[in-house]
């Protein structure tokens, strides 16, 4: 997620379920095994991430659409920053809730996420922002190319207050085989 391996470069088992209504309302969930809560935050518990999200999306014009919602990343049972852990007093609970707004204009996509509390266990990090810009190019025959760049800003971290800020990027090729099957 956001350019960071969450399993310390080991395999992950992931899955999700989405419900989208014709009205534009949607709900969903995603789950994965993770290691970072223990590896980075010094927690002794918290190896499962469960995301719950919901929102509303609609078209403004034929070329412009929006998606606004709320997502919570729950690291089940995590004790990040709790007394008796190596990260005690250095971290907060890793679970995070964000609001987001996504704008699509033709092939371009801009999304902004803002944390409503501490971000992924970083103390005093409320208001963290992630800005994500993508473009999807149709290459024909079911193939597409998607360049991506994202910028994570986490306030009040380290000397100068920006030690946790970073930029991620990727270039993805996807093939749509039809019937809802897409390989990226």
Foldseek 3Di string as FASTA:
>chain_A
DQADAFAVPDDKDKDKDKDADPQFKIKMKMKMFGDCLCVPQQWPAFGMKMKIKIWGKDAPDPFKIKTKIKMKIDRPPTQRLHPPGPNPPQWDHQIWMWIKMWMGGHQKIWMKIFTCAAHRGGPPFHGKIKIKIKGWADPDQQKIKIKIKMWTATAQDPVVGGPPIDMDIDIDMKGDPDPPDIDD
